[in-house]
Amino acid sequence: MLRSVDESMALREHASEARRAVVIGAGFIGCEVAASMRGLGVDVVLVEPQPQPLAMVLGEQIGELVARLHREEGVDVRLGVGVAEVRGEGHVDTVVLSDGTELAADVVVVGIGSHPATEWLEGSGIEVDNGVICDEAGRTSAPNVWALGDVASWRDPLGNQARVEHWSNVAEQARVVVPAMLGKDTPSSVVVPYFWSDQYDVKIQCLGEPHATDTVHIVEDDGRKFLAYYERDGVLVGVVGGGMPGKVMKSRGKIAAATPISEMLG
């Protein structure tokens, strides 16, 4: 488990003594851990059952660029394969992949996602479904009970429930919850979700709500840094960049305005 500062420090201590590490899962946590371990001089194998890192979040095209980044830094990226077994007596020493490959390992990190902790709300009457169900201002199904953050599933402008696991989202939600709790009008401006991930010397940034099924236009790629536009129904819905912070952040207004992709590419 990696949920606290103490657990993070324990992982750092293990990594500082390790020579070989296997990271299971190439989502944002897995990729960041792999990058950090390489910075400590550890030989890293990154294992991902999907065709590319981050494929379920950002799609395979951007995932391929992220895989390229890790390979350039010396990570052994294994894609399209899972883990069958972790072996060791008192301490891990081998990871067996689903294709039969055996990997020696001094430390193993499993980064395969998380579930919202809502069991403590059983019997409370508060509606729960992959998080605490809220309206567009954080109100739950119980009077005078509000929720925000990772555990809260808010209704979006289209009427869908969405649970966002990025800390910047909490600040945006707080700007809505506090006025609503005080009986005041809530902000009506369009909120463009934002998050980032630092991997090596490249800051991977994401604005908007890109889906893996969107049409991806890679508009810049110098072999390490890149910029991509995400199109859905002819409209710009997201921008993802690696090492291009200025160009990513300048697109916030374009996403909020639902700019036609033709204007972005023209």
C-alpha atoms as a PDB file:
ATOM      1  CA  MET A   1       0.000   0.000   0.000  1.00  0.00           C
ATOM      2  CA  LEU A   2       1.200   3.503  -0.781  1.00  0.00           C
ATOM      3  CA  ARG A   3      -1.168   5.915   0.930  1.00  0.00           C
ATOM      4  CA  SER A   4       0.899   7.839   3.466  1.00  0.00           C
ATOM      5  CA  VAL A   5       4.152   9.724   3.903  1.00  0.00           C
ATOM      6  CA  ASP A   6       5.519   6.912   6.092  1.00  0.00           C
ATOM      7  CA  GLU A   7       4.792   4.347   3.376  1.00  0.00           C
ATOM      8  CA  SER A   8       6.445   6.615   0.788  1.00  0.00           C
ATOM      9  CA  MET A   9       9.558   6.954   2.945  1.00  0.00           C
ATOM     10  CA  ALA A  10       9.655   3.183   3.466  1.00  0.00           C
ATOM     11  CA  LEU A  11       9.531   2.664  -0.299  1.00  0.00           C
ATOM     12  CA  ARG A  12      12.359   5.151  -0.755  1.00  0.00           C
ATOM     13  CA  GLU A  13      14.444   3.277   1.826  1.00  0.00           C
ATOM     14  CA  HIS A  14      13.847  -0.061   0.088  1.00  0.00           C
ATOM     15  CA  ALA A  15      14.596   1.488  -3.301  1.00  0.00           C
ATOM     16  CA  SER A  16      17.859   3.014  -2.064  1.00  0.00           C
ATOM     17  CA  GLU A  17      19.079  -0.480  -1.175  1.00  0.00           C
ATOM     18  CA  ALA A  18      17.683  -2.264  -4.249  1.00  0.00           C
ATOM     19  CA  ARG A  19      19.414  -3.136  -7.506  1.00  0.00           C
ATOM     20  CA  ARG A  20      16.433  -4.491  -9.413  1.00  0.00           C
ATOM     21  CA  ALA A  21      12.802  -3.421  -9.193  1.00  0.00           C
ATOM     22  CA  VAL A  22       9.614  -4.503 -10.906  1.00  0.00           C
ATOM     23  CA  VAL A  23       6.778  -1.975 -11.130  1.00  0.00           C
ATOM     24  CA  ILE A  24       3.416  -3.549 -11.919  1.00  0.00           C
ATOM     25  CA  GLY A  25       1.055  -1.137 -13.640  1.00  0.00           C
ATOM     26  CA  ALA A  26       2.022   1.713 -15.969  1.00  0.00           C
ATOM     27  CA  GLY A  27      -0.546   4.263 -14.922  1.00  0.00           C
ATOM     28  CA  PHE A  28       0.565   7.598 -13.492  1.00  0.00           C
ATOM     29  CA  ILE A  29       1.653   6.124 -10.155  1.00  0.00           C
ATOM     30  CA  GLY A  30       3.559   3.276 -11.776  1.00  0.00           C
ATOM     31  CA  CYS A  31       5.292   5.561 -14.272  1.00  0.00           C
ATOM     32  CA  GLU A  32       6.260   8.077 -11.585  1.00  0.00           C
ATOM     33  CA  VAL A  33       7.632   5.351  -9.309  1.00  0.00           C
ATOM     34  CA  ALA A  34       9.609   3.870 -12.216  1.00  0.00           C
ATOM     35  CA  ALA A  35      11.092   7.295 -13.010  1.00  0.00           C
ATOM     36  CA  SER A  36      11.984   7.934  -9.368  1.00  0.00           C
ATOM     37  CA  MET A  37      13.679   4.558  -9.021  1.00  0.00           C
ATOM     38  CA  ARG A  38      15.718   5.136 -12.156  1.00  0.00           C
ATOM     39  CA  GLY A  39      16.819   8.402 -10.561  1.00  0.00           C
ATOM     40  CA  LEU A  40      18.160   6.322  -7.667  1.00  0.00           C
ATOM     41  CA  GLY A  41      20.087   4.098 -10.073  1.00  0.00           C
ATOM     42  CA  VAL A  42      17.797   1.066  -9.771  1.00  0.00           C
ATOM     43  CA  ASP A  43      17.279  -1.233 -12.778  1.00  0.00           C
ATOM     44  CA  VAL A  44      13.524  -1.118 -13.426  1.00  0.00           C
ATOM     45  CA  VAL A  45      11.126  -3.359 -15.325  1.00  0.00           C
ATOM     46  CA  LEU A  46       7.730  -1.719 -15.904  1.00  0.00           C
ATOM     47  CA  VAL A  47       4.953  -4.275 -16.542  1.00  0.00           C
ATOM     48  CA  GLU A  48       1.628  -3.281 -18.100  1.00  0.00           C
ATOM     49  CA  PRO A  49      -1.143  -5.585 -19.459  1.00  0.00           C
ATOM     50  CA  GLN A  50      -2.456  -2.801 -21.729  1.00  0.00           C
ATOM     51  CA  PRO A  51      -0.860  -2.126 -25.153  1.00  0.00           C
ATOM     52  CA  GLN A  52       0.818   1.063 -23.874  1.00  0.00           C
ATOM     53  CA  PRO A  53       1.336   2.972 -20.599  1.00  0.00           C
ATOM     54  CA  LEU A  54      -1.625   5.193 -19.679  1.00  0.00           C
ATOM     55  CA  ALA A  55      -3.617   3.656 -22.552  1.00  0.00           C
ATOM     56  CA  MET A  56      -6.882   3.542 -20.600  1.00  0.00           C
ATOM     57  CA  VAL A  57      -6.575   7.207 -19.633  1.00  0.00           C
ATOM     58  CA  LEU A  58      -4.896   8.999 -22.535  1.00  0.00           C
ATOM     59  CA  GLY A  59      -5.048   6.453 -25.346  1.00  0.00           C
ATOM     60  CA  GLU A  60      -2.385   4.408 -27.084  1.00  0.00           C
ATOM     61  CA  GLN A  61      -0.828   7.225 -29.133  1.00  0.00           C
ATOM     62  CA  ILE A  62       0.245   9.250 -26.097  1.00  0.00           C
ATOM     63  CA  GLY A  63       1.002   6.025 -24.233  1.00  0.00           C
ATOM     64  CA  GLU A  64       3.529   5.139 -26.926  1.00  0.00           C
ATOM     65  CA  LEU A  65       5.306   8.472 -26.397  1.00  0.00           C
ATOM     66  CA  VAL A  66       5.412   7.867 -22.633  1.00  0.00           C
ATOM     67  CA  ALA A  67       6.842   4.382 -23.214  1.00  0.00           C
ATOM     68  CA  ARG A  68       9.490   5.933 -25.452  1.00  0.00           C
ATOM     69  CA  LEU A  69      10.447   8.351 -22.676  1.00  0.00           C
ATOM     70  CA  HIS A  70      10.930   5.543 -20.163  1.00  0.00           C
ATOM     71  CA  ARG A  71      12.905   3.384 -22.559  1.00  0.00           C
ATOM     72  CA  GLU A  72      15.225   6.308 -23.266  1.00  0.00           C
ATOM     73  CA  GLU A  73      15.888   6.457 -19.528  1.00  0.00           C
ATOM     74  CA  GLY A  74      16.768   2.758 -19.384  1.00  0.00           C
ATOM     75  CA  VAL A  75      13.480   1.256 -18.170  1.00  0.00           C
ATOM     76  CA  ASP A  76      12.619  -2.196 -19.520  1.00  0.00           C
ATOM     77  CA  VAL A  77       8.991  -1.641 -20.548  1.00  0.00           C
ATOM     78  CA  ARG A  78       6.983  -4.870 -20.921  1.00  0.00           C
ATOM     79  CA  LEU A  79       3.563  -4.324 -22.529  1.00  0.00           C
ATOM     80  CA  GLY A  80       0.598  -6.595 -23.152  1.00  0.00           C
ATOM     81  CA  VAL A  81       1.605  -8.957 -20.374  1.00  0.00           C
ATOM     82  CA  GLY A  82       0.403  -9.473 -16.811  1.00  0.00           C
ATOM     83  CA  VAL A  83       1.784 -10.954 -13.606  1.00  0.00           C
ATOM     84  CA  ALA A  84       1.113 -14.588 -12.689  1.00  0.00           C
ATOM     85  CA  GLU A  85       3.034 -14.850  -9.425  1.00  0.00           C
ATOM     86  CA  VAL A  86       5.352 -13.062  -7.005  1.00  0.00           C
ATOM     87  CA  ARG A  87       7.829 -15.395  -5.275  1.00  0.00           C
ATOM     88  CA  GLY A  88      10.151 -15.146  -2.304  1.00  0.00           C
ATOM     89  CA  GLU A  89      10.839 -16.517   1.159  1.00  0.00           C
ATOM     90  CA  GLY A  90      10.466 -13.682   3.651  1.00  0.00           C
ATOM     91  CA  HIS A  91      11.399 -11.213   0.933  1.00  0.00           C
ATOM     92  CA  VAL A  92      10.438 -10.936  -2.725  1.00  0.00           C
ATOM     93  CA  ASP A  93      13.020 -12.242  -5.187  1.00  0.00           C
ATOM     94  CA  THR A  94      11.128 -13.162  -8.377  1.00  0.00           C
ATOM     95  CA  VAL A  95       8.172 -11.917 -10.398  1.00  0.00           C
ATOM     96  CA  VAL A  96       6.670 -14.420 -12.871  1.00  0.00           C
ATOM     97  CA  LEU A  97       4.876 -12.868 -15.829  1.00  0.00           C
ATOM     98  CA  SER A  98       1.833 -14.362 -17.547  1.00  0.00           C
ATOM     99  CA  ASP A  99       4.013 -15.365 -20.514  1.00  0.00           C
ATOM    100  CA  GLY A 100       6.273 -17.407 -18.223  1.00  0.00           C
ATOM    101  CA  THR A 101       9.116 -14.893 -18.041  1.00  0.00           C
ATOM    102  CA  GLU A 102      10.817 -14.763 -14.622  1.00  0.00           C
ATOM    103  CA  LEU A 103      12.158 -11.397 -13.450  1.00  0.00           C
ATOM    104  CA  ALA A 104      14.590 -11.059 -10.556  1.00  0.00           C
ATOM    105  CA  ALA A 105      13.526  -8.327  -8.141  1.00  0.00           C
ATOM    106  CA  ASP A 106      14.676  -6.826  -4.836  1.00  0.00           C
ATOM    107  CA  VAL A 107      11.546  -4.677  -4.567  1.00  0.00           C
ATOM    108  CA  VAL A 108       8.122  -4.798  -6.242  1.00  0.00           C
ATOM    109  CA  VAL A 109       5.631  -1.943  -6.442  1.00  0.00           C
ATOM    110  CA  VAL A 110       2.054  -2.668  -7.486  1.00  0.00           C
ATOM    111  CA  GLY A 111       0.368   0.407  -8.945  1.00  0.00           C
ATOM    112  CA  ILE A 112      -2.962  -0.893 -10.251  1.00  0.00           C
ATOM    113  CA  GLY A 113      -5.415   1.705  -8.989  1.00  0.00           C
ATOM    114  CA  SER A 114      -7.570   2.280  -5.945  1.00  0.00           C
ATOM    115  CA  HIS A 115     -11.159   2.111  -4.744  1.00  0.00           C
ATOM    116  CA  PRO A 116     -13.011   4.865  -2.839  1.00  0.00           C
ATOM    117  CA  ALA A 117     -13.262   4.045   0.878  1.00  0.00           C
ATOM    118  CA  THR A 118     -17.010   4.235   1.458  1.00  0.00           C
ATOM    119  CA  GLU A 119     -17.622   1.125   3.577  1.00  0.00           C
ATOM    120  CA  TRP A 120     -17.888   3.250   6.719  1.00  0.00           C
ATOM    121  CA  LEU A 121     -20.989   4.902   5.252  1.00  0.00           C
ATOM    122  CA  GLU A 122     -22.986   1.666   5.069  1.00  0.00           C
ATOM    123  CA  GLY A 123     -26.330   2.126   6.790  1.00  0.00           C
ATOM    124  CA  SER A 124     -25.989   5.913   6.874  1.00  0.00           C
ATOM    125  CA  GLY A 125     -28.571   6.508   4.141  1.00  0.00           C
ATOM    126  CA  ILE A 126     -26.043   8.389   2.033  1.00  0.00           C
ATOM    127  CA  GLU A 127     -26.143   7.177  -1.583  1.00  0.00           C
ATOM    128  CA  VAL A 128     -22.910   5.521  -2.685  1.00  0.00           C
ATOM    129  CA  ASP A 129     -21.906   4.203  -6.113  1.00  0.00           C
ATOM    130  CA  ASN A 130     -18.172   4.259  -6.904  1.00  0.00           C
ATOM    131  CA  GLY A 131     -17.898   7.092  -4.424  1.00  0.00           C
ATOM    132  CA  VAL A 132     -20.353   9.355  -2.611  1.00  0.00           C
ATOM    133  CA  ILE A 133     -23.046  10.496  -5.050  1.00  0.00           C
ATOM    134  CA  CYS A 134     -23.347  14.297  -5.152  1.00  0.00           C
ATOM    135  CA  ASP A 135     -25.138  16.906  -7.207  1.00  0.00           C
ATOM    136  CA  GLU A 136     -23.281  19.607  -9.128  1.00  0.00           C
ATOM    137  CA  ALA A 137     -22.504  21.499  -5.888  1.00  0.00           C
ATOM    138  CA  GLY A 138     -21.401  18.617  -3.654  1.00  0.00           C
ATOM    139  CA  ARG A 139     -24.716  17.918  -1.913  1.00  0.00           C
ATOM    140  CA  THR A 140     -25.198  14.271  -0.969  1.00  0.00           C
ATOM    141  CA  SER A 141     -28.515  12.433  -0.613  1.00  0.00           C
ATOM    142  CA  ALA A 142     -28.572  13.340   3.109  1.00  0.00           C
ATOM    143  CA  PRO A 143     -29.595  16.826   4.286  1.00  0.00           C
ATOM    144  CA  ASN A 144     -26.704  19.101   5.265  1.00  0.00           C
ATOM    145  CA  VAL A 145     -24.051  16.556   4.229  1.00  0.00           C
ATOM    146  CA  TRP A 146     -21.558  17.499   1.520  1.00  0.00           C
ATOM    147  CA  ALA A 147     -18.630  15.697  -0.094  1.00  0.00           C
ATOM    148  CA  LEU A 148     -15.633  16.679  -2.173  1.00  0.00           C
ATOM    149  CA  GLY A 149     -12.319  15.216  -3.201  1.00  0.00           C
ATOM    150  CA  ASP A 150     -11.347  11.731  -4.377  1.00  0.00           C
ATOM    151  CA  VAL A 151     -14.302  10.036  -2.708  1.00  0.00           C
ATOM    152  CA  ALA A 152     -16.954  12.356  -4.187  1.00  0.00           C
ATOM    153  CA  SER A 153     -18.778  11.602  -7.437  1.00  0.00           C
ATOM    154  CA  TRP A 154     -20.163  14.924  -8.678  1.00  0.00           C
ATOM    155  CA  ARG A 155     -22.776  15.441 -11.371  1.00  0.00           C
ATOM    156  CA  ASP A 156     -21.256  17.162 -14.406  1.00  0.00           C
ATOM    157  CA  PRO A 157     -23.025  19.679 -16.695  1.00  0.00           C
ATOM    158  CA  LEU A 158     -24.236  16.824 -18.932  1.00  0.00           C
ATOM    159  CA  GLY A 159     -25.853  15.013 -16.006  1.00  0.00           C
ATOM    160  CA  ASN A 160     -23.174  12.316 -15.677  1.00  0.00           C
ATOM    161  CA  GLN A 161     -21.522  11.348 -12.398  1.00  0.00           C
ATOM    162  CA  ALA A 162     -17.741  11.855 -12.379  1.00  0.00           C
ATOM    163  CA  ARG A 163     -15.177  11.130  -9.668  1.00  0.00           C
ATOM    164  CA  VAL A 164     -11.847  12.908 -10.265  1.00  0.00           C
ATOM    165  CA  GLU A 165      -8.736  11.725  -8.392  1.00  0.00           C
ATOM    166  CA  HIS A 166      -6.514  14.781  -8.794  1.00  0.00           C
ATOM    167  CA  TRP A 167      -5.762  17.143  -5.933  1.00  0.00           C
ATOM    168  CA  SER A 168      -6.303  20.327  -7.974  1.00  0.00           C
ATOM    169  CA  ASN A 169      -9.914  19.199  -8.370  1.00  0.00           C
ATOM    170  CA  VAL A 170     -10.480  19.596  -4.614  1.00  0.00           C
ATOM    171  CA  ALA A 171      -9.664  23.305  -4.764  1.00  0.00           C
ATOM    172  CA  GLU A 172     -12.104  23.781  -7.639  1.00  0.00           C
ATOM    173  CA  GLN A 173     -14.827  21.901  -5.760  1.00  0.00           C
ATOM    174  CA  ALA A 174     -14.238  23.936  -2.594  1.00  0.00           C
ATOM    175  CA  ARG A 175     -14.969  27.125  -4.533  1.00  0.00           C
ATOM    176  CA  VAL A 176     -18.401  25.670  -5.270  1.00  0.00           C
ATOM    177  CA  VAL A 177     -19.191  23.890  -1.988  1.00  0.00           C
ATOM    178  CA  VAL A 178     -18.539  26.818   0.357  1.00  0.00           C
ATOM    179  CA  PRO A 179     -20.945  29.300  -1.307  1.00  0.00           C
ATOM    180  CA  ALA A 180     -23.565  26.544  -1.653  1.00  0.00           C
ATOM    181  CA  MET A 181     -23.300  25.703   2.075  1.00  0.00           C
ATOM    182  CA  LEU A 182     -23.792  29.384   2.869  1.00  0.00           C
ATOM    183  CA  GLY A 183     -26.881  29.583   0.668  1.00  0.00           C
ATOM    184  CA  LYS A 184     -25.192  31.762  -1.938  1.00  0.00           C
ATOM    185  CA  ASP A 185     -25.027  31.399  -5.706  1.00  0.00           C
ATOM    186  CA  THR A 186     -22.343  28.997  -6.881  1.00  0.00           C
ATOM    187  CA  PRO A 187     -19.775  30.003  -9.512  1.00  0.00           C
ATOM    188  CA  SER A 188     -21.057  29.485 -13.042  1.00  0.00           C
ATOM    189  CA  SER A 189     -17.748  29.579 -14.892  1.00  0.00           C
ATOM    190  CA  VAL A 190     -16.673  26.453 -16.771  1.00  0.00           C
ATOM    191  CA  VAL A 191     -14.053  24.494 -14.834  1.00  0.00           C
ATOM    192  CA  VAL A 192     -11.413  22.883 -17.020  1.00  0.00           C
ATOM    193  CA  PRO A 193      -9.912  19.913 -15.137  1.00  0.00           C
ATOM    194  CA  TYR A 194      -6.130  19.903 -14.870  1.00  0.00           C
ATOM    195  CA  PHE A 195      -3.459  17.548 -13.612  1.00  0.00           C
ATOM    196  CA  TRP A 196       0.203  16.828 -14.195  1.00  0.00           C
ATOM    197  CA  SER A 197       2.783  14.112 -13.690  1.00  0.00           C
ATOM    198  CA  ASP A 198       6.531  14.709 -13.324  1.00  0.00           C
ATOM    199  CA  GLN A 199       8.554  11.957 -14.984  1.00  0.00           C
ATOM    200  CA  TYR A 200      12.308  12.540 -15.305  1.00  0.00           C
ATOM    201  CA  ASP A 201      12.770  16.078 -16.650  1.00  0.00           C
ATOM    202  CA  VAL A 202       9.430  16.048 -18.490  1.00  0.00           C
ATOM    203  CA  LYS A 203       6.255  17.432 -16.928  1.00  0.00           C
ATOM    204  CA  ILE A 204       3.289  15.652 -18.503  1.00  0.00           C
ATOM    205  CA  GLN A 205       0.254  17.930 -18.258  1.00  0.00           C
ATOM    206  CA  CYS A 206      -3.387  17.349 -19.084  1.00  0.00           C
ATOM    207  CA  LEU A 207      -6.130  19.935 -19.505  1.00  0.00           C
ATOM    208  CA  GLY A 208      -9.777  19.091 -20.079  1.00  0.00           C
ATOM    209  CA  GLU A 209     -11.346  15.644 -20.096  1.00  0.00           C
ATOM    210  CA  PRO A 210      -9.613  13.571 -22.774  1.00  0.00           C
ATOM    211  CA  HIS A 211     -10.817  10.008 -23.306  1.00  0.00           C
ATOM    212  CA  ALA A 212      -8.868   7.083 -24.670  1.00  0.00           C
ATOM    213  CA  THR A 213     -11.461   6.814 -27.458  1.00  0.00           C
ATOM    214  CA  ASP A 214     -11.043  10.425 -28.660  1.00  0.00           C
ATOM    215  CA  THR A 215      -9.330  11.327 -31.911  1.00  0.00           C
ATOM    216  CA  VAL A 216      -5.781  12.397 -31.014  1.00  0.00           C
ATOM    217  CA  HIS A 217      -3.853  14.944 -33.059  1.00  0.00           C
ATOM    218  CA  ILE A 218      -0.146  15.024 -32.197  1.00  0.00           C
ATOM    219  CA  VAL A 219       0.798  18.538 -33.282  1.00  0.00           C
ATOM    220  CA  GLU A 220       4.350  18.627 -31.909  1.00  0.00           C
ATOM    221  CA  ASP A 221       6.895  15.893 -31.188  1.00  0.00           C
ATOM    222  CA  ASP A 222      10.645  16.447 -31.042  1.00  0.00           C
ATOM    223  CA  GLY A 223      11.446  12.906 -29.981  1.00  0.00           C
ATOM    224  CA  ARG A 224      11.037  13.617 -26.257  1.00  0.00           C
ATOM    225  CA  LYS A 225       8.655  16.532 -25.739  1.00  0.00           C
ATOM    226  CA  PHE A 226       5.226  16.552 -27.342  1.00  0.00           C
ATOM    227  CA  LEU A 227       1.851  18.297 -27.633  1.00  0.00           C
ATOM    228  CA  ALA A 228      -1.475  16.674 -28.550  1.00  0.00           C
ATOM    229  CA  TYR A 229      -5.052  17.840 -29.067  1.00  0.00           C
ATOM    230  CA  TYR A 230      -8.009  15.575 -28.257  1.00  0.00           C
ATOM    231  CA  GLU A 231     -11.062  15.831 -30.501  1.00  0.00           C
ATOM    232  CA  ARG A 232     -14.576  14.579 -29.808  1.00  0.00           C
ATOM    233  CA  ASP A 233     -17.528  15.385 -32.088  1.00  0.00           C
ATOM    234  CA  GLY A 234     -15.388  17.927 -33.910  1.00  0.00           C
ATOM    235  CA  VAL A 235     -14.575  19.895 -30.754  1.00  0.00           C
ATOM    236  CA  LEU A 236     -11.391  20.340 -28.700  1.00  0.00           C
ATOM    237  CA  VAL A 237     -12.014  18.521 -25.405  1.00  0.00           C
ATOM    238  CA  GLY A 238      -8.480  18.108 -24.060  1.00  0.00           C
ATOM    239  CA  VAL A 239      -4.825  18.949 -24.479  1.00  0.00           C
ATOM    240  CA  VAL A 240      -1.929  16.792 -23.296  1.00  0.00           C
ATOM    241  CA  GLY A 241       1.662  17.922 -23.411  1.00  0.00           C
ATOM    242  CA  GLY A 242       5.012  16.611 -22.293  1.00  0.00           C
ATOM    243  CA  GLY A 243       7.570  19.294 -21.480  1.00  0.00           C
ATOM    244  CA  MET A 244       5.475  22.072 -23.040  1.00  0.00           C
ATOM    245  CA  PRO A 245       3.801  23.836 -20.076  1.00  0.00           C
ATOM    246  CA  GLY A 246       3.225  27.180 -21.770  1.00  0.00           C
ATOM    247  CA  LYS A 247       1.474  25.746 -24.799  1.00  0.00           C
ATOM    248  CA  VAL A 248      -0.686  23.446 -22.673  1.00  0.00           C
ATOM    249  CA  MET A 249      -1.886  26.164 -20.303  1.00  0.00           C
ATOM    250  CA  LYS A 250      -2.678  28.584 -23.138  1.00  0.00           C
ATOM    251  CA  SER A 251      -5.304  26.135 -24.359  1.00  0.00           C
ATOM    252  CA  ARG A 252      -7.492  26.334 -21.230  1.00  0.00           C
ATOM    253  CA  GLY A 253      -9.785  28.995 -22.728  1.00  0.00           C
ATOM    254  CA  LYS A 254     -10.046  27.098 -26.009  1.00  0.00           C
ATOM    255  CA  ILE A 255     -11.255  23.984 -24.193  1.00  0.00           C
ATOM    256  CA  ALA A 256     -13.738  25.961 -22.073  1.00  0.00           C
ATOM    257  CA  ALA A 257     -15.153  27.558 -25.224  1.00  0.00           C
ATOM    258  CA  ALA A 258     -15.577  24.165 -26.970  1.00  0.00           C
ATOM    259  CA  THR A 259     -13.448  25.406 -29.858  1.00  0.00           C
ATOM    260  CA  PRO A 260     -13.869  23.492 -33.141  1.00  0.00           C
ATOM    261  CA  ILE A 261     -10.801  21.335 -33.776  1.00  0.00           C
ATOM    262  CA  SER A 262     -10.539  22.836 -37.264  1.00  0.00           C
ATOM    263  CA  GLU A 263      -9.618  26.182 -35.699  1.00  0.00           C
ATOM    264  CA  MET A 264      -6.872  24.557 -33.624  1.00  0.00           C
ATOM    265  CA  LEU A 265      -5.375  22.726 -36.577  1.00  0.00           C
ATOM    266  CA  GLY A 266      -5.885  25.434 -39.167  1.00  0.00           C
END
